[in-house]
Amino acid sequence: MKNTALALTILSVFTAAAASAGPTADKKQREGLDKAIAQAAADVKDCGKTFKLSFDWAAYDKLDWSKAARKKEEQVGFEISNVRWIGSGLNTLCKDKDYKETLQKIDNVVYRTILDSGEKGESRTKAKIQGTTLTFESRMGGSTRDSSDFASAAKKVL
């Protein structure tokens, strides 16, 4: 676990440093995040189905970055650390037959970064369902998310 955390920290620093290099570096960052979320999908083994996991790049690009604690390019490394836990969180829920049954109605899982509202006690990760899409909204700041954050957020809407 410590080696994983160290590797993710190094990746975050490298990703942030590479971001200032230009459009190719930005493309590489985004590919890295898309790869991490695709790998997270492979952690879903007990649901009896495959979910399409994606990162909401359109929402990310529309954020008012002047109000954010980090620069847009720096945040990508933190999001890579966060999205890798989505599949594990979903898989945990599928070990419970009732949540597994409810998750059968979900086809798409979206991860969206949102700005920190500054409200004390507000959950860092929230979930909502619209149609067959489960969307996780993760506020910037604080600690890196883990599988329990995604499982807890999903439980509130399933």
C-alpha atoms as a PDB file:
ATOM      1  CA  MET A   1       0.000   0.000   0.000  1.00  0.00           C
ATOM      2  CA  LYS A   2       2.833   2.410   0.845  1.00  0.00           C
ATOM      3  CA  ASN A   3       4.524   1.630  -2.483  1.00  0.00           C
ATOM      4  CA  THR A   4       1.275   2.361  -4.310  1.00  0.00           C
ATOM      5  CA  ALA A   5       0.848   5.669  -2.477  1.00  0.00           C
ATOM      6  CA  LEU A   6       4.446   6.617  -3.236  1.00  0.00           C
ATOM      7  CA  ALA A   7       4.068   5.720  -6.892  1.00  0.00           C
ATOM      8  CA  LEU A   8       0.868   7.775  -7.144  1.00  0.00           C
ATOM      9  CA  THR A   9       2.537  10.736  -5.461  1.00  0.00           C
ATOM     10  CA  ILE A  10       5.460  10.555  -7.879  1.00  0.00           C
ATOM     11  CA  LEU A  11       3.033  10.240 -10.795  1.00  0.00           C
ATOM     12  CA  SER A  12       1.100  13.275  -9.541  1.00  0.00           C
ATOM     13  CA  VAL A  13       4.259  15.360  -9.283  1.00  0.00           C
ATOM     14  CA  PHE A  14       5.472  14.206 -12.711  1.00  0.00           C
ATOM     15  CA  THR A  15       2.066  14.861 -14.228  1.00  0.00           C
ATOM     16  CA  ALA A  16       1.907  18.352 -12.735  1.00  0.00           C
ATOM     17  CA  ALA A  17       5.433  19.164 -13.894  1.00  0.00           C
ATOM     18  CA  ALA A  18       4.781  17.867 -17.382  1.00  0.00           C
ATOM     19  CA  ALA A  19       1.600  19.924 -17.636  1.00  0.00           C
ATOM     20  CA  SER A  20       3.459  23.169 -18.165  1.00  0.00           C
ATOM     21  CA  ALA A  21       5.107  21.800 -21.294  1.00  0.00           C
ATOM     22  CA  GLY A  22       2.197  22.407 -23.679  1.00  0.00           C
ATOM     23  CA  PRO A  23      -0.685  20.744 -25.506  1.00  0.00           C
ATOM     24  CA  THR A  24       1.073  17.395 -25.935  1.00  0.00           C
ATOM     25  CA  ALA A  25       1.670  17.183 -22.186  1.00  0.00           C
ATOM     26  CA  ASP A  26      -1.997  18.011 -21.571  1.00  0.00           C
ATOM     27  CA  LYS A  27      -3.007  15.249 -23.977  1.00  0.00           C
ATOM     28  CA  LYS A  28      -0.699  12.788 -22.159  1.00  0.00           C
ATOM     29  CA  GLN A  29      -2.194  13.753 -18.792  1.00  0.00           C
ATOM     30  CA  ARG A  30      -5.707  13.194 -20.045  1.00  0.00           C
ATOM     31  CA  GLU A  31      -4.752   9.866 -21.577  1.00  0.00           C
ATOM     32  CA  GLY A  32      -3.230   8.861 -18.229  1.00  0.00           C
ATOM     33  CA  LEU A  33      -6.431   9.688 -16.405  1.00  0.00           C
ATOM     34  CA  ASP A  34      -8.581   7.917 -18.988  1.00  0.00           C
ATOM     35  CA  LYS A  35      -6.322   4.872 -18.654  1.00  0.00           C
ATOM     36  CA  ALA A  36      -6.656   4.932 -14.846  1.00  0.00           C
ATOM     37  CA  ILE A  37     -10.438   5.028 -15.016  1.00  0.00           C
ATOM     38  CA  ALA A  38     -10.464   2.203 -17.582  1.00  0.00           C
ATOM     39  CA  GLN A  39      -8.301   0.144 -15.231  1.00  0.00           C
ATOM     40  CA  ALA A  40     -10.750   0.899 -12.409  1.00  0.00           C
ATOM     41  CA  ALA A  41     -13.501  -0.704 -14.485  1.00  0.00           C
ATOM     42  CA  ALA A  42     -11.522  -3.964 -14.374  1.00  0.00           C
ATOM     43  CA  ASP A  43     -11.912  -3.987 -10.566  1.00  0.00           C
ATOM     44  CA  VAL A  44     -15.645  -4.621 -10.950  1.00  0.00           C
ATOM     45  CA  LYS A  45     -15.833  -8.405 -10.758  1.00  0.00           C
ATOM     46  CA  ASP A  46     -18.852  -9.255  -8.598  1.00  0.00           C
ATOM     47  CA  CYS A  47     -21.570  -7.215 -10.307  1.00  0.00           C
ATOM     48  CA  GLY A  48     -22.364  -9.638 -13.114  1.00  0.00           C
ATOM     49  CA  LYS A  49     -22.076  -6.869 -15.678  1.00  0.00           C
ATOM     50  CA  THR A  50     -19.710  -4.324 -17.116  1.00  0.00           C
ATOM     51  CA  PHE A  51     -20.130  -0.612 -16.478  1.00  0.00           C
ATOM     52  CA  LYS A  52     -18.856   2.079 -18.822  1.00  0.00           C
ATOM     53  CA  LEU A  53     -16.719   4.337 -16.605  1.00  0.00           C
ATOM     54  CA  SER A  54     -15.760   7.801 -17.802  1.00  0.00           C
ATOM     55  CA  PHE A  55     -14.322  11.103 -16.634  1.00  0.00           C
ATOM     56  CA  ASP A  56     -16.390  14.218 -17.343  1.00  0.00           C
ATOM     57  CA  TRP A  57     -13.797  16.259 -19.224  1.00  0.00           C
ATOM     58  CA  ALA A  58     -16.387  18.802 -20.415  1.00  0.00           C
ATOM     59  CA  ALA A  59     -17.315  19.694 -16.819  1.00  0.00           C
ATOM     60  CA  TYR A  60     -13.633  19.751 -15.846  1.00  0.00           C
ATOM     61  CA  ASP A  61     -12.803  22.201 -18.603  1.00  0.00           C
ATOM     62  CA  LYS A  62     -15.739  24.468 -17.657  1.00  0.00           C
ATOM     63  CA  LEU A  63     -14.714  24.861 -13.993  1.00  0.00           C
ATOM     64  CA  ASP A  64     -13.800  28.383 -12.876  1.00  0.00           C
ATOM     65  CA  TRP A  65     -10.165  27.592 -12.201  1.00  0.00           C
ATOM     66  CA  SER A  66      -9.551  31.067 -10.756  1.00  0.00           C
ATOM     67  CA  LYS A  67     -11.561  29.886  -7.721  1.00  0.00           C
ATOM     68  CA  ALA A  68      -9.762  26.551  -7.385  1.00  0.00           C
ATOM     69  CA  ALA A  69      -7.036  25.771  -4.859  1.00  0.00           C
ATOM     70  CA  ARG A  70      -4.896  24.175  -7.586  1.00  0.00           C
ATOM     71  CA  LYS A  71      -4.159  24.870 -11.200  1.00  0.00           C
ATOM     72  CA  LYS A  72      -6.109  22.882 -13.765  1.00  0.00           C
ATOM     73  CA  GLU A  73      -2.979  21.013 -14.878  1.00  0.00           C
ATOM     74  CA  GLU A  74      -2.015  20.096 -11.313  1.00  0.00           C
ATOM     75  CA  GLN A  75      -5.425  18.676 -10.451  1.00  0.00           C
ATOM     76  CA  VAL A  76      -5.221  15.902 -13.054  1.00  0.00           C
ATOM     77  CA  GLY A  77      -2.642  13.991 -10.998  1.00  0.00           C
ATOM     78  CA  PHE A  78      -4.932  14.060  -7.972  1.00  0.00           C
ATOM     79  CA  GLU A  79      -7.846  12.854 -10.071  1.00  0.00           C
ATOM     80  CA  ILE A  80      -5.783   9.914 -11.332  1.00  0.00           C
ATOM     81  CA  SER A  81      -5.376   8.878  -7.685  1.00  0.00           C
ATOM     82  CA  ASN A  82      -9.112   9.259  -7.070  1.00  0.00           C
ATOM     83  CA  VAL A  83     -10.642   7.513 -10.088  1.00  0.00           C
ATOM     84  CA  ARG A  84      -8.646   4.346  -9.571  1.00  0.00           C
ATOM     85  CA  TRP A  85     -10.939   3.475  -6.627  1.00  0.00           C
ATOM     86  CA  ILE A  86     -14.321   3.712  -8.373  1.00  0.00           C
ATOM     87  CA  GLY A  87     -14.406   0.088  -9.552  1.00  0.00           C
ATOM     88  CA  SER A  88     -13.388  -1.262  -6.183  1.00  0.00           C
ATOM     89  CA  GLY A  89     -16.138   0.779  -4.513  1.00  0.00           C
ATOM     90  CA  LEU A  90     -18.748  -0.549  -6.927  1.00  0.00           C
ATOM     91  CA  ASN A  91     -17.474  -4.075  -6.507  1.00  0.00           C
ATOM     92  CA  THR A  92     -17.842  -3.788  -2.726  1.00  0.00           C
ATOM     93  CA  LEU A  93     -21.497  -2.848  -3.190  1.00  0.00           C
ATOM     94  CA  CYS A  94     -22.111  -5.796  -5.512  1.00  0.00           C
ATOM     95  CA  LYS A  95     -21.127  -8.201  -2.754  1.00  0.00           C
ATOM     96  CA  ASP A  96     -24.470  -7.247  -1.178  1.00  0.00           C
ATOM     97  CA  LYS A  97     -27.315  -8.828  -3.177  1.00  0.00           C
ATOM     98  CA  ASP A  98     -29.651  -5.840  -2.730  1.00  0.00           C
ATOM     99  CA  TYR A  99     -27.138  -3.266  -3.995  1.00  0.00           C
ATOM    100  CA  LYS A 100     -26.103  -5.652  -6.754  1.00  0.00           C
ATOM    101  CA  GLU A 101     -29.714  -5.906  -7.892  1.00  0.00           C
ATOM    102  CA  THR A 102     -30.089  -2.123  -7.952  1.00  0.00           C
ATOM    103  CA  LEU A 103     -26.789  -1.663  -9.796  1.00  0.00           C
ATOM    104  CA  GLN A 104     -28.080  -3.893 -12.601  1.00  0.00           C
ATOM    105  CA  LYS A 105     -30.081  -0.845 -13.746  1.00  0.00           C
ATOM    106  CA  ILE A 106     -26.888   1.221 -14.137  1.00  0.00           C
ATOM    107  CA  ASP A 107     -24.919   1.166 -17.390  1.00  0.00           C
ATOM    108  CA  ASN A 108     -22.714   4.248 -17.133  1.00  0.00           C
ATOM    109  CA  VAL A 109     -20.636   5.566 -14.259  1.00  0.00           C
ATOM    110  CA  VAL A 110     -19.303   9.111 -14.575  1.00  0.00           C
ATOM    111  CA  TYR A 111     -16.732  10.844 -12.393  1.00  0.00           C
ATOM    112  CA  ARG A 112     -17.010  14.632 -12.239  1.00  0.00           C
ATOM    113  CA  THR A 113     -14.700  17.045 -10.468  1.00  0.00           C
ATOM    114  CA  ILE A 114     -16.409  19.992  -8.786  1.00  0.00           C
ATOM    115  CA  LEU A 115     -15.067  23.012  -6.922  1.00  0.00           C
ATOM    116  CA  ASP A 116     -14.923  22.968  -3.140  1.00  0.00           C
ATOM    117  CA  SER A 117     -17.880  24.951  -1.812  1.00  0.00           C
ATOM    118  CA  GLY A 118     -16.084  25.663   1.455  1.00  0.00           C
ATOM    119  CA  GLU A 119     -18.995  24.331   3.514  1.00  0.00           C
ATOM    120  CA  LYS A 120     -17.875  22.538   6.657  1.00  0.00           C
ATOM    121  CA  GLY A 121     -18.930  18.927   7.012  1.00  0.00           C
ATOM    122  CA  GLU A 122     -20.040  18.568   3.402  1.00  0.00           C
ATOM    123  CA  SER A 123     -19.207  15.195   1.917  1.00  0.00           C
ATOM    124  CA  ARG A 124     -16.242  15.227  -0.465  1.00  0.00           C
ATOM    125  CA  THR A 125     -17.904  12.679  -2.751  1.00  0.00           C
ATOM    126  CA  LYS A 126     -21.578  12.646  -3.667  1.00  0.00           C
ATOM    127  CA  ALA A 127     -23.508  10.482  -6.082  1.00  0.00           C
ATOM    128  CA  LYS A 128     -26.634  10.937  -8.128  1.00  0.00           C
ATOM    129  CA  ILE A 129     -28.550   8.810 -10.585  1.00  0.00           C
ATOM    130  CA  GLN A 130     -30.159  10.011 -13.757  1.00  0.00           C
ATOM    131  CA  GLY A 131     -31.648   7.295 -15.918  1.00  0.00           C
ATOM    132  CA  THR A 132     -29.049   4.538 -16.242  1.00  0.00           C
ATOM    133  CA  THR A 133     -26.135   6.787 -15.264  1.00  0.00           C
ATOM    134  CA  LEU A 134     -24.553   6.948 -11.826  1.00  0.00           C
ATOM    135  CA  THR A 135     -22.511  10.138 -11.452  1.00  0.00           C
ATOM    136  CA  PHE A 136     -19.953  10.709  -8.722  1.00  0.00           C
ATOM    137  CA  GLU A 137     -19.200  14.343  -7.969  1.00  0.00           C
ATOM    138  CA  SER A 138     -15.925  14.773  -6.157  1.00  0.00           C
ATOM    139  CA  ARG A 139     -15.000  18.100  -4.601  1.00  0.00           C
ATOM    140  CA  MET A 140     -11.430  19.260  -5.011  1.00  0.00           C
ATOM    141  CA  GLY A 141      -9.270  19.403  -1.939  1.00  0.00           C
ATOM    142  CA  GLY A 142      -8.725  17.258   1.089  1.00  0.00           C
ATOM    143  CA  SER A 143      -7.452  13.741   0.981  1.00  0.00           C
ATOM    144  CA  THR A 144      -7.422  11.335  -1.930  1.00  0.00           C
ATOM    145  CA  ARG A 145     -10.604   9.303  -2.278  1.00  0.00           C
ATOM    146  CA  ASP A 146     -10.688   5.554  -1.740  1.00  0.00           C
ATOM    147  CA  SER A 147     -13.162   2.763  -2.491  1.00  0.00           C
ATOM    148  CA  SER A 148     -15.185   3.408   0.667  1.00  0.00           C
ATOM    149  CA  ASP A 149     -15.855   7.007  -0.428  1.00  0.00           C
ATOM    150  CA  PHE A 150     -17.443   5.776  -3.659  1.00  0.00           C
ATOM    151  CA  ALA A 151     -19.350   2.942  -1.977  1.00  0.00           C
ATOM    152  CA  SER A 152     -20.717   5.281   0.719  1.00  0.00           C
ATOM    153  CA  ALA A 153     -21.768   7.928  -1.794  1.00  0.00           C
ATOM    154  CA  ALA A 154     -23.499   5.362  -4.005  1.00  0.00           C
ATOM    155  CA  LYS A 155     -25.339   3.772  -1.059  1.00  0.00           C
ATOM    156  CA  LYS A 156     -27.109   7.086  -0.445  1.00  0.00           C
ATOM    157  CA  VAL A 157     -28.733   7.061  -3.898  1.00  0.00           C
ATOM    158  CA  LEU A 158     -29.193   3.348  -4.628  1.00  0.00           C
END
